[in-house]
Amino acid sequence: MNRVDRALGLGVVAEGVETQAQHDQLQAWGCDIFQGFLLARPMPLSALSEFIATR
């Protein structure tokens, strides 16, 4: 996975990451970006600024 994506200049995004174990395994496989309930639940736009400020 790493050699091909890096040679092409591509990143890898994992969607639906819900547990730390999933995150750790995906990271070990070379995943670059994560999204899912592990990192944040869906929220209204009005709450986004506060969420970002506290991270």
PDB file of N, CA and C in Angstrom:
ATOM      1  N   MET A   1       0.823  -1.196   0.000  1.00  0.00           N
ATOM      2  CA  MET A   1       0.000   0.000   0.000  1.00  0.00           C
ATOM      3  C   MET A   1       0.863   1.254   0.000  1.00  0.00           C
ATOM      4  N   ASN A   2       1.842   1.350   0.881  1.00  0.00           N
ATOM      5  CA  ASN A   2       2.625   2.579   0.986  1.00  0.00           C
ATOM      6  C   ASN A   2       3.409   2.911  -0.269  1.00  0.00           C
ATOM      7  N   ARG A   3       4.078   1.931  -0.840  1.00  0.00           N
ATOM      8  CA  ARG A   3       4.962   2.212  -1.961  1.00  0.00           C
ATOM      9  C   ARG A   3       4.189   2.786  -3.144  1.00  0.00           C
ATOM     10  N   VAL A   4       3.060   2.193  -3.482  1.00  0.00           N
ATOM     11  CA  VAL A   4       2.296   2.649  -4.649  1.00  0.00           C
ATOM     12  C   VAL A   4       1.696   4.016  -4.415  1.00  0.00           C
ATOM     13  N   ASP A   5       1.050   4.232  -3.260  1.00  0.00           N
ATOM     14  CA  ASP A   5       0.413   5.537  -3.045  1.00  0.00           C
ATOM     15  C   ASP A   5       1.447   6.645  -2.991  1.00  0.00           C
ATOM     16  N   ARG A   6       2.564   6.375  -2.341  1.00  0.00           N
ATOM     17  CA  ARG A   6       3.586   7.416  -2.223  1.00  0.00           C
ATOM     18  C   ARG A   6       4.194   7.715  -3.599  1.00  0.00           C
ATOM     19  N   ALA A   7       4.410   6.701  -4.393  1.00  0.00           N
ATOM     20  CA  ALA A   7       4.971   6.908  -5.732  1.00  0.00           C
ATOM     21  C   ALA A   7       4.030   7.732  -6.600  1.00  0.00           C
ATOM     22  N   LEU A   8       2.739   7.577  -6.388  1.00  0.00           N
ATOM     23  CA  LEU A   8       1.748   8.328  -7.155  1.00  0.00           C
ATOM     24  C   LEU A   8       1.388   9.653  -6.506  1.00  0.00           C
ATOM     25  N   GLY A   9       1.939   9.918  -5.331  1.00  0.00           N
ATOM     26  CA  GLY A   9       1.631  11.151  -4.625  1.00  0.00           C
ATOM     27  C   GLY A   9       0.249  11.147  -3.999  1.00  0.00           C
ATOM     28  N   LEU A  10      -0.286   9.969  -3.686  1.00  0.00           N
ATOM     29  CA  LEU A  10      -1.628   9.861  -3.119  1.00  0.00           C
ATOM     30  C   LEU A  10      -1.553   9.615  -1.621  1.00  0.00           C
ATOM     31  N   GLY A  11      -2.567  10.081  -0.920  1.00  0.00           N
ATOM     32  CA  GLY A  11      -2.716   9.781   0.495  1.00  0.00           C
ATOM     33  C   GLY A  11      -3.813   8.745   0.657  1.00  0.00           C
ATOM     34  N   VAL A  12      -3.888   8.163   1.830  1.00  0.00           N
ATOM     35  CA  VAL A  12      -4.900   7.157   2.114  1.00  0.00           C
ATOM     36  C   VAL A  12      -5.782   7.677   3.241  1.00  0.00           C
ATOM     37  N   VAL A  13      -7.106   7.650   3.023  1.00  0.00           N
ATOM     38  CA  VAL A  13      -8.078   8.099   4.012  1.00  0.00           C
ATOM     39  C   VAL A  13      -8.904   6.907   4.457  1.00  0.00           C
ATOM     40  N   ALA A  14      -8.981   6.695   5.771  1.00  0.00           N
ATOM     41  CA  ALA A  14      -9.829   5.635   6.324  1.00  0.00           C
ATOM     42  C   ALA A  14     -11.104   6.276   6.860  1.00  0.00           C
ATOM     43  N   GLU A  15     -12.221   5.793   6.400  1.00  0.00           N
ATOM     44  CA  GLU A  15     -13.523   6.308   6.819  1.00  0.00           C
ATOM     45  C   GLU A  15     -14.199   5.277   7.722  1.00  0.00           C
ATOM     46  N   GLY A  16     -14.902   5.747   8.736  1.00  0.00           N
ATOM     47  CA  GLY A  16     -15.641   4.851   9.610  1.00  0.00           C
ATOM     48  C   GLY A  16     -14.808   4.236  10.713  1.00  0.00           C
ATOM     49  N   VAL A  17     -13.752   4.904  11.121  1.00  0.00           N
ATOM     50  CA  VAL A  17     -12.886   4.386  12.190  1.00  0.00           C
ATOM     51  C   VAL A  17     -13.608   4.594  13.527  1.00  0.00           C
ATOM     52  N   GLU A  18     -13.894   3.496  14.210  1.00  0.00           N
ATOM     53  CA  GLU A  18     -14.675   3.575  15.443  1.00  0.00           C
ATOM     54  C   GLU A  18     -13.916   3.153  16.694  1.00  0.00           C
ATOM     55  N   THR A  19     -12.823   2.433  16.556  1.00  0.00           N
ATOM     56  CA  THR A  19     -12.087   1.977  17.735  1.00  0.00           C
ATOM     57  C   THR A  19     -10.608   2.335  17.619  1.00  0.00           C
ATOM     58  N   GLN A  20      -9.956   2.392  18.764  1.00  0.00           N
ATOM     59  CA  GLN A  20      -8.514   2.671  18.783  1.00  0.00           C
ATOM     60  C   GLN A  20      -7.753   1.555  18.080  1.00  0.00           C
ATOM     61  N   ALA A  21      -8.220   0.327  18.221  1.00  0.00           N
ATOM     62  CA  ALA A  21      -7.555  -0.808  17.563  1.00  0.00           C
ATOM     63  C   ALA A  21      -7.610  -0.657  16.043  1.00  0.00           C
ATOM     64  N   GLN A  22      -8.748  -0.218  15.514  1.00  0.00           N
ATOM     65  CA  GLN A  22      -8.843   0.017  14.067  1.00  0.00           C
ATOM     66  C   GLN A  22      -7.871   1.111  13.648  1.00  0.00           C
ATOM     67  N   HIS A  23      -7.848   2.189  14.409  1.00  0.00           N
ATOM     68  CA  HIS A  23      -6.951   3.306  14.108  1.00  0.00           C
ATOM     69  C   HIS A  23      -5.498   2.846  14.091  1.00  0.00           C
ATOM     70  N   ASP A  24      -5.112   2.093  15.125  1.00  0.00           N
ATOM     71  CA  ASP A  24      -3.724   1.648  15.233  1.00  0.00           C
ATOM     72  C   ASP A  24      -3.332   0.740  14.073  1.00  0.00           C
ATOM     73  N   GLN A  25      -4.208  -0.176  13.700  1.00  0.00           N
ATOM     74  CA  GLN A  25      -3.898  -1.085  12.597  1.00  0.00           C
ATOM     75  C   GLN A  25      -3.812  -0.336  11.275  1.00  0.00           C
ATOM     76  N   LEU A  26      -4.748   0.549  11.025  1.00  0.00           N
ATOM     77  CA  LEU A  26      -4.721   1.335   9.787  1.00  0.00           C
ATOM     78  C   LEU A  26      -3.469   2.199   9.711  1.00  0.00           C
ATOM     79  N   GLN A  27      -3.082   2.768  10.832  1.00  0.00           N
ATOM     80  CA  GLN A  27      -1.862   3.578  10.874  1.00  0.00           C
ATOM     81  C   GLN A  27      -0.641   2.713  10.576  1.00  0.00           C
ATOM     82  N   ALA A  28      -0.609   1.514  11.122  1.00  0.00           N
ATOM     83  CA  ALA A  28       0.500   0.590  10.855  1.00  0.00           C
ATOM     84  C   ALA A  28       0.571   0.225   9.377  1.00  0.00           C
ATOM     85  N   TRP A  29      -0.581   0.193   8.714  1.00  0.00           N
ATOM     86  CA  TRP A  29      -0.624  -0.109   7.277  1.00  0.00           C
ATOM     87  C   TRP A  29      -0.307   1.106   6.413  1.00  0.00           C
ATOM     88  N   GLY A  30      -0.085   2.273   7.040  1.00  0.00           N
ATOM     89  CA  GLY A  30       0.322   3.452   6.289  1.00  0.00           C
ATOM     90  C   GLY A  30      -0.784   4.428   5.969  1.00  0.00           C
ATOM     91  N   CYS A  31      -1.919   4.297   6.620  1.00  0.00           N
ATOM     92  CA  CYS A  31      -3.025   5.220   6.385  1.00  0.00           C
ATOM     93  C   CYS A  31      -2.633   6.609   6.897  1.00  0.00           C
ATOM     94  N   ASP A  32      -3.015   7.642   6.153  1.00  0.00           N
ATOM     95  CA  ASP A  32      -2.608   9.007   6.474  1.00  0.00           C
ATOM     96  C   ASP A  32      -3.646   9.800   7.254  1.00  0.00           C
ATOM     97  N   ILE A  33      -4.911   9.620   6.919  1.00  0.00           N
ATOM     98  CA  ILE A  33      -5.985  10.448   7.466  1.00  0.00           C
ATOM     99  C   ILE A  33      -7.107   9.534   7.931  1.00  0.00           C
ATOM    100  N   PHE A  34      -7.724   9.903   9.061  1.00  0.00           N
ATOM    101  CA  PHE A  34      -8.778   9.089   9.645  1.00  0.00           C
ATOM    102  C   PHE A  34     -10.010   9.937   9.883  1.00  0.00           C
ATOM    103  N   GLN A  35     -11.162   9.325   9.715  1.00  0.00           N
ATOM    104  CA  GLN A  35     -12.400   9.978  10.128  1.00  0.00           C
ATOM    105  C   GLN A  35     -13.337   8.908  10.656  1.00  0.00           C
ATOM    106  N   GLY A  36     -14.172   9.306  11.577  1.00  0.00           N
ATOM    107  CA  GLY A  36     -15.109   8.368  12.154  1.00  0.00           C
ATOM    108  C   GLY A  36     -15.441   8.725  13.590  1.00  0.00           C
ATOM    109  N   PHE A  37     -16.298   7.915  14.197  1.00  0.00           N
ATOM    110  CA  PHE A  37     -16.778   8.191  15.550  1.00  0.00           C
ATOM    111  C   PHE A  37     -15.666   8.196  16.586  1.00  0.00           C
ATOM    112  N   LEU A  38     -14.556   7.517  16.336  1.00  0.00           N
ATOM    113  CA  LEU A  38     -13.451   7.542  17.289  1.00  0.00           C
ATOM    114  C   LEU A  38     -12.962   8.972  17.495  1.00  0.00           C
ATOM    115  N   LEU A  39     -12.965   9.755  16.442  1.00  0.00           N
ATOM    116  CA  LEU A  39     -12.420  11.108  16.494  1.00  0.00           C
ATOM    117  C   LEU A  39     -13.460  12.165  16.825  1.00  0.00           C
ATOM    118  N   ALA A  40     -14.677  12.000  16.310  1.00  0.00           N
ATOM    119  CA  ALA A  40     -15.739  12.971  16.590  1.00  0.00           C
ATOM    120  C   ALA A  40     -17.077  12.439  16.091  1.00  0.00           C
ATOM    121  N   ARG A  41     -18.105  12.759  16.817  1.00  0.00           N
ATOM    122  CA  ARG A  41     -19.472  12.443  16.403  1.00  0.00           C
ATOM    123  C   ARG A  41     -19.973  13.558  15.493  1.00  0.00           C
ATOM    124  N   PRO A  42     -20.969  13.286  14.685  1.00  0.00           N
ATOM    125  CA  PRO A  42     -21.564  14.357  13.876  1.00  0.00           C
ATOM    126  C   PRO A  42     -22.025  15.501  14.788  1.00  0.00           C
ATOM    127  N   MET A  43     -21.877  16.719  14.300  1.00  0.00           N
ATOM    128  CA  MET A  43     -22.256  17.880  15.105  1.00  0.00           C
ATOM    129  C   MET A  43     -22.790  18.985  14.223  1.00  0.00           C
ATOM    130  N   PRO A  44     -23.573  19.870  14.795  1.00  0.00           N
ATOM    131  CA  PRO A  44     -24.051  21.007  14.006  1.00  0.00           C
ATOM    132  C   PRO A  44     -22.897  21.962  13.696  1.00  0.00           C
ATOM    133  N   LEU A  45     -23.032  22.688  12.639  1.00  0.00           N
ATOM    134  CA  LEU A  45     -22.001  23.644  12.232  1.00  0.00           C
ATOM    135  C   LEU A  45     -21.687  24.623  13.353  1.00  0.00           C
ATOM    136  N   SER A  46     -22.682  25.004  14.114  1.00  0.00           N
ATOM    137  CA  SER A  46     -22.479  25.969  15.197  1.00  0.00           C
ATOM    138  C   SER A  46     -21.525  25.449  16.274  1.00  0.00           C
ATOM    139  N   ALA A  47     -21.366  24.147  16.406  1.00  0.00           N
ATOM    140  CA  ALA A  47     -20.473  23.576  17.414  1.00  0.00           C
ATOM    141  C   ALA A  47     -19.063  23.338  16.875  1.00  0.00           C
ATOM    142  N   LEU A  48     -18.860  23.453  15.581  1.00  0.00           N
ATOM    143  CA  LEU A  48     -17.581  23.130  14.972  1.00  0.00           C
ATOM    144  C   LEU A  48     -16.440  24.029  15.448  1.00  0.00           C
ATOM    145  N   SER A  49     -16.667  25.320  15.530  1.00  0.00           N
ATOM    146  CA  SER A  49     -15.599  26.251  15.959  1.00  0.00           C
ATOM    147  C   SER A  49     -15.088  25.908  17.351  1.00  0.00           C
ATOM    148  N   GLU A  50     -16.002  25.631  18.272  1.00  0.00           N
ATOM    149  CA  GLU A  50     -15.586  25.268  19.625  1.00  0.00           C
ATOM    150  C   GLU A  50     -14.833  23.950  19.638  1.00  0.00           C
ATOM    151  N   PHE A  51     -15.313  22.985  18.858  1.00  0.00           N
ATOM    152  CA  PHE A  51     -14.644  21.691  18.771  1.00  0.00           C
ATOM    153  C   PHE A  51     -13.206  21.857  18.295  1.00  0.00           C
ATOM    154  N   ILE A  52     -13.015  22.625  17.243  1.00  0.00           N
ATOM    155  CA  ILE A  52     -11.674  22.846  16.692  1.00  0.00           C
ATOM    156  C   ILE A  52     -10.793  23.581  17.704  1.00  0.00           C
ATOM    157  N   ALA A  53     -11.351  24.551  18.378  1.00  0.00           N
ATOM    158  CA  ALA A  53     -10.569  25.351  19.343  1.00  0.00           C
ATOM    159  C   ALA A  53     -10.102  24.510  20.528  1.00  0.00           C
ATOM    160  N   THR A  54     -10.853  23.489  20.889  1.00  0.00           N
ATOM    161  CA  THR A  54     -10.491  22.671  22.053  1.00  0.00           C
ATOM    162  C   THR A  54      -9.631  21.478  21.697  1.00  0.00           C
ATOM    163  N   ARG A  55      -9.316  21.291  20.448  1.00  0.00           N
ATOM    164  CA  ARG A  55      -8.485  20.150  20.022  1.00  0.00           C
ATOM    165  C   ARG A  55      -7.051  20.499  20.017  1.00  0.00           C
TER     166      ARG A  55
END
